[in-house]
Amino acid sequence: MKNQKLNKYDRNIGNFILITGILHVILGFVENWNLATQIWNSGITNTLVGHPGRASFFWYEIAGAFVMLLGSVVQHHLNQCRQPIPKRYGYYLLIVGLIGCTLEPVSGFYIFLIIALPIMLSKQHPAHETARTGNNA
């Protein structure tokens, strides 16, 4: 695939995803500080069993950590390859966002839609172009 010039938004999509994950983790602690302190005061190990609120808090924080990981990987790809994220990943984010918005309308899942759209709409060279021409420049 030819090296493409990325616009300001396209070359920072990973950073936007990373910031979304960071805000997710911060918001989880701000809204559930009492659950975090309960887990801490209970000794951390095996403190979720029988406490659905603690378990929900834990998985909320883990989801935020994985969003941060996703953003980091995406940004690494953009920095190293200087090529847009394949459109299919925009569609994946769109599907996750639509399912999340449907199941939980008052949530941050709308951010996935905002991030997915530019990925889906980005101009990309067809992958077969390199194979056909043999030009990897």
N, C-alpha and C. Protein backbone atom coordinates (compact mmCIF):
# COMPACT_ATOMS: atom_id res chain seq x y z
N MET A 1 0.84 -1.17 0.00
CA MET A 1 0.00 0.00 0.00
C MET A 1 0.89 1.23 0.00
N LYS A 2 0.52 2.22 -0.77
CA LYS A 2 1.32 3.43 -0.84
C LYS A 2 1.25 4.18 0.48
N ASN A 3 2.36 4.85 0.79
CA ASN A 3 2.39 5.68 1.99
C ASN A 3 1.48 6.88 1.76
N GLN A 4 0.54 7.09 2.62
CA GLN A 4 -0.44 8.15 2.44
C GLN A 4 -0.23 9.25 3.47
N LYS A 5 -0.57 10.45 3.07
CA LYS A 5 -0.52 11.56 4.02
C LYS A 5 -1.81 11.52 4.83
N LEU A 6 -1.66 11.47 6.13
CA LEU A 6 -2.82 11.41 7.02
C LEU A 6 -3.17 12.82 7.47
N ASN A 7 -4.47 13.09 7.52
CA ASN A 7 -4.87 14.40 8.03
C ASN A 7 -4.73 14.42 9.55
N LYS A 8 -4.91 15.59 10.12
CA LYS A 8 -4.69 15.78 11.57
C LYS A 8 -5.52 14.82 12.40
N TYR A 9 -6.77 14.61 12.01
CA TYR A 9 -7.64 13.73 12.79
C TYR A 9 -7.22 12.27 12.61
N ASP A 10 -7.01 11.86 11.35
CA ASP A 10 -6.65 10.47 11.08
C ASP A 10 -5.38 10.04 11.80
N ARG A 11 -4.40 10.92 11.87
CA ARG A 11 -3.14 10.50 12.49
C ARG A 11 -3.19 10.53 14.01
N ASN A 12 -4.31 10.98 14.59
CA ASN A 12 -4.44 11.03 16.05
C ASN A 12 -5.59 10.20 16.59
N ILE A 13 -6.20 9.37 15.76
CA ILE A 13 -7.34 8.57 16.21
C ILE A 13 -6.97 7.71 17.41
N GLY A 14 -5.79 7.12 17.39
CA GLY A 14 -5.34 6.30 18.52
C GLY A 14 -5.27 7.11 19.80
N ASN A 15 -4.79 8.35 19.70
CA ASN A 15 -4.74 9.22 20.88
C ASN A 15 -6.13 9.53 21.41
N PHE A 16 -7.09 9.74 20.50
CA PHE A 16 -8.47 10.00 20.94
C PHE A 16 -9.04 8.78 21.67
N ILE A 17 -8.75 7.59 21.15
CA ILE A 17 -9.20 6.36 21.81
C ILE A 17 -8.52 6.22 23.16
N LEU A 18 -7.23 6.48 23.22
CA LEU A 18 -6.47 6.40 24.48
C LEU A 18 -7.04 7.37 25.51
N ILE A 19 -7.31 8.59 25.11
CA ILE A 19 -7.89 9.59 26.03
C ILE A 19 -9.27 9.13 26.51
N THR A 20 -10.04 8.52 25.61
CA THR A 20 -11.36 7.99 26.00
C THR A 20 -11.20 6.95 27.10
N GLY A 21 -10.22 6.05 26.96
CA GLY A 21 -9.98 5.03 27.98
C GLY A 21 -9.53 5.64 29.30
N ILE A 22 -8.66 6.64 29.24
CA ILE A 22 -8.19 7.30 30.46
C ILE A 22 -9.35 7.97 31.19
N LEU A 23 -10.18 8.67 30.42
CA LEU A 23 -11.36 9.32 31.04
C LEU A 23 -12.32 8.28 31.62
N HIS A 24 -12.44 7.15 30.95
CA HIS A 24 -13.30 6.06 31.43
C HIS A 24 -12.82 5.58 32.81
N VAL A 25 -11.53 5.35 32.94
CA VAL A 25 -10.97 4.88 34.21
C VAL A 25 -11.13 5.95 35.29
N ILE A 26 -10.83 7.20 34.97
CA ILE A 26 -10.97 8.29 35.96
C ILE A 26 -12.42 8.42 36.40
N LEU A 27 -13.34 8.43 35.44
CA LEU A 27 -14.76 8.55 35.77
C LEU A 27 -15.22 7.40 36.66
N GLY A 28 -14.73 6.19 36.37
CA GLY A 28 -15.09 5.03 37.19
C GLY A 28 -14.68 5.22 38.64
N PHE A 29 -13.47 5.73 38.86
CA PHE A 29 -13.02 5.96 40.23
C PHE A 29 -13.78 7.11 40.89
N VAL A 30 -14.03 8.17 40.14
CA VAL A 30 -14.75 9.31 40.71
C VAL A 30 -16.16 8.91 41.14
N GLU A 31 -16.85 8.18 40.27
CA GLU A 31 -18.23 7.79 40.57
C GLU A 31 -18.34 6.65 41.57
N ASN A 32 -17.29 5.87 41.70
CA ASN A 32 -17.37 4.67 42.55
C ASN A 32 -16.24 4.60 43.56
N TRP A 33 -15.83 5.73 44.05
CA TRP A 33 -14.72 5.76 45.00
C TRP A 33 -14.99 4.87 46.21
N ASN A 34 -16.25 4.86 46.66
CA ASN A 34 -16.59 4.03 47.82
C ASN A 34 -16.36 2.54 47.54
N LEU A 35 -16.65 2.09 46.32
CA LEU A 35 -16.40 0.69 45.97
C LEU A 35 -14.91 0.39 45.89
N ALA A 36 -14.15 1.33 45.36
CA ALA A 36 -12.69 1.15 45.29
C ALA A 36 -12.10 1.04 46.70
N THR A 37 -12.57 1.88 47.61
CA THR A 37 -12.05 1.82 48.98
C THR A 37 -12.51 0.54 49.69
N GLN A 38 -13.72 0.07 49.39
CA GLN A 38 -14.18 -1.19 49.97
C GLN A 38 -13.29 -2.35 49.52
N ILE A 39 -12.95 -2.36 48.24
CA ILE A 39 -12.06 -3.42 47.72
C ILE A 39 -10.70 -3.32 48.40
N TRP A 40 -10.18 -2.13 48.50
CA TRP A 40 -8.87 -1.91 49.13
C TRP A 40 -8.90 -2.33 50.60
N ASN A 41 -9.91 -1.86 51.33
CA ASN A 41 -10.00 -2.15 52.77
C ASN A 41 -10.28 -3.63 53.06
N SER A 42 -10.83 -4.33 52.06
CA SER A 42 -11.11 -5.76 52.24
C SER A 42 -9.90 -6.62 51.88
N GLY A 43 -8.82 -6.00 51.48
CA GLY A 43 -7.60 -6.75 51.19
C GLY A 43 -7.37 -7.08 49.72
N ILE A 44 -8.16 -6.56 48.84
CA ILE A 44 -8.05 -6.69 47.38
C ILE A 44 -8.31 -8.12 46.89
N THR A 45 -7.59 -9.10 47.40
CA THR A 45 -7.69 -10.48 46.91
C THR A 45 -9.06 -11.08 47.24
N ASN A 46 -9.73 -11.60 46.21
CA ASN A 46 -11.01 -12.29 46.34
C ASN A 46 -12.07 -11.42 47.03
N THR A 47 -12.12 -10.15 46.65
CA THR A 47 -13.08 -9.23 47.30
C THR A 47 -14.29 -8.92 46.42
N LEU A 48 -14.40 -9.58 45.27
CA LEU A 48 -15.52 -9.30 44.37
C LEU A 48 -16.67 -10.29 44.53
N VAL A 49 -16.37 -11.52 44.96
CA VAL A 49 -17.37 -12.57 45.08
C VAL A 49 -18.45 -12.14 46.08
N GLY A 50 -19.70 -12.21 45.64
CA GLY A 50 -20.82 -11.85 46.51
C GLY A 50 -21.06 -10.35 46.62
N HIS A 51 -20.34 -9.56 45.82
CA HIS A 51 -20.49 -8.10 45.83
C HIS A 51 -20.65 -7.61 44.39
N PRO A 52 -21.87 -7.65 43.85
CA PRO A 52 -22.07 -7.29 42.44
C PRO A 52 -21.62 -5.87 42.10
N GLY A 53 -21.79 -4.93 43.01
CA GLY A 53 -21.35 -3.56 42.75
C GLY A 53 -19.84 -3.48 42.57
N ARG A 54 -19.11 -4.19 43.40
CA ARG A 54 -17.65 -4.22 43.28
C ARG A 54 -17.24 -4.86 41.96
N ALA A 55 -17.93 -5.95 41.60
CA ALA A 55 -17.60 -6.64 40.35
C ALA A 55 -17.88 -5.73 39.15
N SER A 56 -18.99 -5.01 39.18
CA SER A 56 -19.30 -4.08 38.09
C SER A 56 -18.24 -2.99 37.98
N PHE A 57 -17.83 -2.46 39.13
CA PHE A 57 -16.77 -1.45 39.15
C PHE A 57 -15.50 -2.02 38.55
N PHE A 58 -15.12 -3.22 38.95
CA PHE A 58 -13.90 -3.86 38.43
C PHE A 58 -13.96 -3.97 36.92
N TRP A 59 -15.06 -4.50 36.38
CA TRP A 59 -15.15 -4.69 34.94
C TRP A 59 -15.24 -3.36 34.20
N TYR A 60 -15.83 -2.35 34.83
CA TYR A 60 -15.84 -1.01 34.22
C TYR A 60 -14.41 -0.51 34.07
N GLU A 61 -13.61 -0.70 35.11
CA GLU A 61 -12.21 -0.25 35.06
C GLU A 61 -11.39 -1.08 34.07
N ILE A 62 -11.62 -2.38 34.01
CA ILE A 62 -10.92 -3.23 33.06
C ILE A 62 -11.28 -2.83 31.63
N ALA A 63 -12.55 -2.53 31.38
CA ALA A 63 -12.95 -2.07 30.05
C ALA A 63 -12.21 -0.79 29.68
N GLY A 64 -12.09 0.13 30.62
CA GLY A 64 -11.34 1.36 30.37
C GLY A 64 -9.88 1.08 30.06
N ALA A 65 -9.30 0.12 30.78
CA ALA A 65 -7.90 -0.25 30.52
C ALA A 65 -7.74 -0.84 29.12
N PHE A 66 -8.69 -1.64 28.69
CA PHE A 66 -8.61 -2.21 27.35
C PHE A 66 -8.84 -1.16 26.27
N VAL A 67 -9.66 -0.17 26.52
CA VAL A 67 -9.81 0.94 25.57
C VAL A 67 -8.49 1.70 25.48
N MET A 68 -7.81 1.89 26.60
CA MET A 68 -6.49 2.53 26.58
C MET A 68 -5.51 1.69 25.76
N LEU A 69 -5.52 0.38 25.95
CA LEU A 69 -4.65 -0.51 25.20
C LEU A 69 -4.94 -0.41 23.70
N LEU A 70 -6.22 -0.44 23.35
CA LEU A 70 -6.61 -0.32 21.94
C LEU A 70 -6.09 0.99 21.35
N GLY A 71 -6.27 2.08 22.08
CA GLY A 71 -5.79 3.38 21.59
C GLY A 71 -4.29 3.40 21.40
N SER A 72 -3.59 2.79 22.31
CA SER A 72 -2.13 2.73 22.23
C SER A 72 -1.68 1.93 21.00
N VAL A 73 -2.31 0.80 20.76
CA VAL A 73 -1.96 -0.04 19.60
C VAL A 73 -2.29 0.69 18.30
N VAL A 74 -3.45 1.31 18.24
CA VAL A 74 -3.84 2.05 17.04
C VAL A 74 -2.85 3.19 16.77
N GLN A 75 -2.50 3.93 17.81
CA GLN A 75 -1.58 5.05 17.62
C GLN A 75 -0.20 4.56 17.20
N HIS A 76 0.24 3.45 17.75
CA HIS A 76 1.52 2.87 17.35
C HIS A 76 1.50 2.53 15.86
N HIS A 77 0.41 1.92 15.41
CA HIS A 77 0.26 1.59 13.98
C HIS A 77 0.34 2.86 13.14
N LEU A 78 -0.38 3.89 13.55
CA LEU A 78 -0.38 5.13 12.77
C LEU A 78 1.01 5.76 12.73
N ASN A 79 1.70 5.74 13.85
CA ASN A 79 3.04 6.34 13.91
C ASN A 79 4.06 5.56 13.09
N GLN A 80 3.94 4.23 13.10
CA GLN A 80 4.91 3.39 12.41
C GLN A 80 4.61 3.26 10.91
N CYS A 81 3.37 3.08 10.56
CA CYS A 81 3.00 2.78 9.18
C CYS A 81 2.61 4.01 8.37
N ARG A 82 2.20 5.06 9.04
CA ARG A 82 1.75 6.29 8.37
C ARG A 82 0.64 6.00 7.35
N GLN A 83 -0.23 5.05 7.71
CA GLN A 83 -1.35 4.70 6.85
C GLN A 83 -2.62 4.68 7.69
N PRO A 84 -3.75 4.98 7.05
CA PRO A 84 -5.00 4.98 7.81
C PRO A 84 -5.31 3.61 8.40
N ILE A 85 -6.09 3.62 9.45
CA ILE A 85 -6.59 2.39 10.04
C ILE A 85 -7.54 1.76 9.02
N PRO A 86 -7.45 0.46 8.76
CA PRO A 86 -8.38 -0.17 7.82
C PRO A 86 -9.84 0.11 8.20
N LYS A 87 -10.64 0.36 7.19
CA LYS A 87 -12.04 0.74 7.41
C LYS A 87 -12.80 -0.28 8.24
N ARG A 88 -12.45 -1.56 8.12
CA ARG A 88 -13.21 -2.58 8.85
C ARG A 88 -13.17 -2.33 10.35
N TYR A 89 -12.10 -1.73 10.87
CA TYR A 89 -12.04 -1.45 12.30
C TYR A 89 -12.99 -0.32 12.68
N GLY A 90 -13.23 0.59 11.76
CA GLY A 90 -14.25 1.60 11.99
C GLY A 90 -15.63 0.98 12.09
N TYR A 91 -15.88 -0.01 11.24
CA TYR A 91 -17.17 -0.71 11.30
C TYR A 91 -17.30 -1.50 12.60
N TYR A 92 -16.21 -2.11 13.05
CA TYR A 92 -16.24 -2.83 14.33
C TYR A 92 -16.60 -1.87 15.47
N LEU A 93 -15.94 -0.70 15.48
CA LEU A 93 -16.24 0.29 16.53
C LEU A 93 -17.67 0.77 16.42
N LEU A 94 -18.17 0.93 15.20
CA LEU A 94 -19.56 1.35 14.99
C LEU A 94 -20.51 0.31 15.58
N ILE A 95 -20.26 -0.96 15.32
CA ILE A 95 -21.13 -2.03 15.83
C ILE A 95 -21.12 -2.03 17.36
N VAL A 96 -19.92 -1.93 17.95
CA VAL A 96 -19.83 -1.90 19.42
C VAL A 96 -20.60 -0.68 19.95
N GLY A 97 -20.42 0.45 19.31
CA GLY A 97 -21.12 1.67 19.74
C GLY A 97 -22.63 1.55 19.63
N LEU A 98 -23.11 0.99 18.52
CA LEU A 98 -24.55 0.85 18.33
C LEU A 98 -25.16 -0.13 19.34
N ILE A 99 -24.48 -1.24 19.57
CA ILE A 99 -24.98 -2.20 20.57
C ILE A 99 -24.97 -1.55 21.95
N GLY A 100 -23.88 -0.87 22.30
CA GLY A 100 -23.79 -0.21 23.59
C GLY A 100 -24.85 0.87 23.77
N CYS A 101 -25.06 1.69 22.73
CA CYS A 101 -26.07 2.75 22.81
C CYS A 101 -27.48 2.18 22.92
N THR A 102 -27.71 1.03 22.28
CA THR A 102 -29.02 0.38 22.36
C THR A 102 -29.27 -0.17 23.75
N LEU A 103 -28.28 -0.85 24.32
CA LEU A 103 -28.45 -1.46 25.64
C LEU A 103 -28.37 -0.45 26.77
N GLU A 104 -27.61 0.62 26.57
CA GLU A 104 -27.43 1.62 27.61
C GLU A 104 -27.40 3.03 26.98
N PRO A 105 -28.60 3.55 26.67
CA PRO A 105 -28.67 4.83 25.94
C PRO A 105 -28.00 6.01 26.65
N VAL A 106 -28.02 6.02 27.96
CA VAL A 106 -27.36 7.11 28.69
C VAL A 106 -25.98 6.59 29.10
N SER A 107 -25.03 6.74 28.18
CA SER A 107 -23.70 6.20 28.41
C SER A 107 -22.70 6.91 27.51
N GLY A 108 -21.47 6.48 27.59
CA GLY A 108 -20.41 7.03 26.76
C GLY A 108 -20.20 6.25 25.47
N PHE A 109 -21.06 5.30 25.17
CA PHE A 109 -20.89 4.51 23.95
C PHE A 109 -20.98 5.36 22.69
N TYR A 110 -21.57 6.55 22.79
CA TYR A 110 -21.66 7.43 21.63
C TYR A 110 -20.27 7.87 21.15
N ILE A 111 -19.31 7.87 22.04
CA ILE A 111 -17.95 8.24 21.66
C ILE A 111 -17.40 7.25 20.63
N PHE A 112 -17.77 5.96 20.73
CA PHE A 112 -17.33 4.99 19.74
C PHE A 112 -17.85 5.36 18.36
N LEU A 113 -19.07 5.89 18.29
CA LEU A 113 -19.64 6.30 17.01
C LEU A 113 -18.84 7.47 16.43
N ILE A 114 -18.49 8.41 17.28
CA ILE A 114 -17.73 9.58 16.85
C ILE A 114 -16.35 9.16 16.33
N ILE A 115 -15.72 8.20 16.98
CA ILE A 115 -14.40 7.74 16.57
C ILE A 115 -14.50 6.86 15.32
N ALA A 116 -15.58 6.08 15.20
CA ALA A 116 -15.73 5.14 14.08
C ALA A 116 -15.95 5.85 12.75
N LEU A 117 -16.71 6.92 12.75
CA LEU A 117 -17.07 7.56 11.49
C LEU A 117 -15.88 8.01 10.65
N PRO A 118 -14.92 8.73 11.20
CA PRO A 118 -13.78 9.14 10.35
C PRO A 118 -12.95 7.95 9.85
N ILE A 119 -12.90 6.88 10.62
CA ILE A 119 -12.17 5.69 10.15
C ILE A 119 -12.89 5.11 8.94
N MET A 120 -14.21 5.01 9.03
CA MET A 120 -15.00 4.45 7.94
C MET A 120 -14.99 5.35 6.71
N LEU A 121 -14.87 6.65 6.90
CA LEU A 121 -14.94 7.60 5.79
C LEU A 121 -13.58 7.98 5.23
N SER A 122 -12.50 7.48 5.81
CA SER A 122 -11.17 7.86 5.35
C SER A 122 -10.90 7.35 3.94
N LYS A 123 -10.11 8.12 3.20
CA LYS A 123 -9.73 7.71 1.84
C LYS A 123 -8.59 6.72 1.95
N GLN A 124 -8.77 5.58 1.33
CA GLN A 124 -7.74 4.54 1.39
C GLN A 124 -7.51 3.96 0.01
N HIS A 125 -6.26 3.60 -0.25
CA HIS A 125 -5.94 2.90 -1.48
C HIS A 125 -6.38 1.46 -1.33
N PRO A 126 -6.87 0.86 -2.39
CA PRO A 126 -7.23 -0.56 -2.29
C PRO A 126 -6.01 -1.41 -1.96
N ALA A 127 -6.18 -2.40 -1.13
CA ALA A 127 -5.06 -3.27 -0.72
C ALA A 127 -4.48 -4.02 -1.91
N HIS A 128 -5.32 -4.32 -2.91
CA HIS A 128 -4.82 -5.10 -4.05
C HIS A 128 -3.95 -4.28 -4.98
N GLU A 129 -3.93 -2.97 -4.82
CA GLU A 129 -3.14 -2.13 -5.70
C GLU A 129 -1.65 -2.46 -5.60
N THR A 130 -1.15 -2.68 -4.40
CA THR A 130 0.26 -3.01 -4.20
C THR A 130 0.56 -4.36 -4.84
N ALA A 131 -0.31 -5.33 -4.64
CA ALA A 131 -0.07 -6.67 -5.19
C ALA A 131 -0.06 -6.62 -6.72
N ARG A 132 -0.94 -5.82 -7.31
CA ARG A 132 -1.05 -5.74 -8.75
C ARG A 132 0.16 -5.04 -9.36
N THR A 133 0.60 -3.92 -8.75
CA THR A 133 1.69 -3.14 -9.31
C THR A 133 3.04 -3.55 -8.78
N GLY A 134 3.05 -4.19 -7.60
CA GLY A 134 4.32 -4.55 -6.98
C GLY A 134 5.07 -3.35 -6.42
N ASN A 135 4.37 -2.23 -6.30
CA ASN A 135 4.99 -0.99 -5.82
C ASN A 135 4.72 -0.84 -4.34
N ASN A 136 5.74 -0.92 -3.52
CA ASN A 136 5.59 -0.78 -2.08
C ASN A 136 6.10 0.56 -1.58
N ALA A 137 6.30 1.51 -2.47
CA ALA A 137 6.88 2.80 -2.07
C ALA A 137 5.99 3.57 -1.16
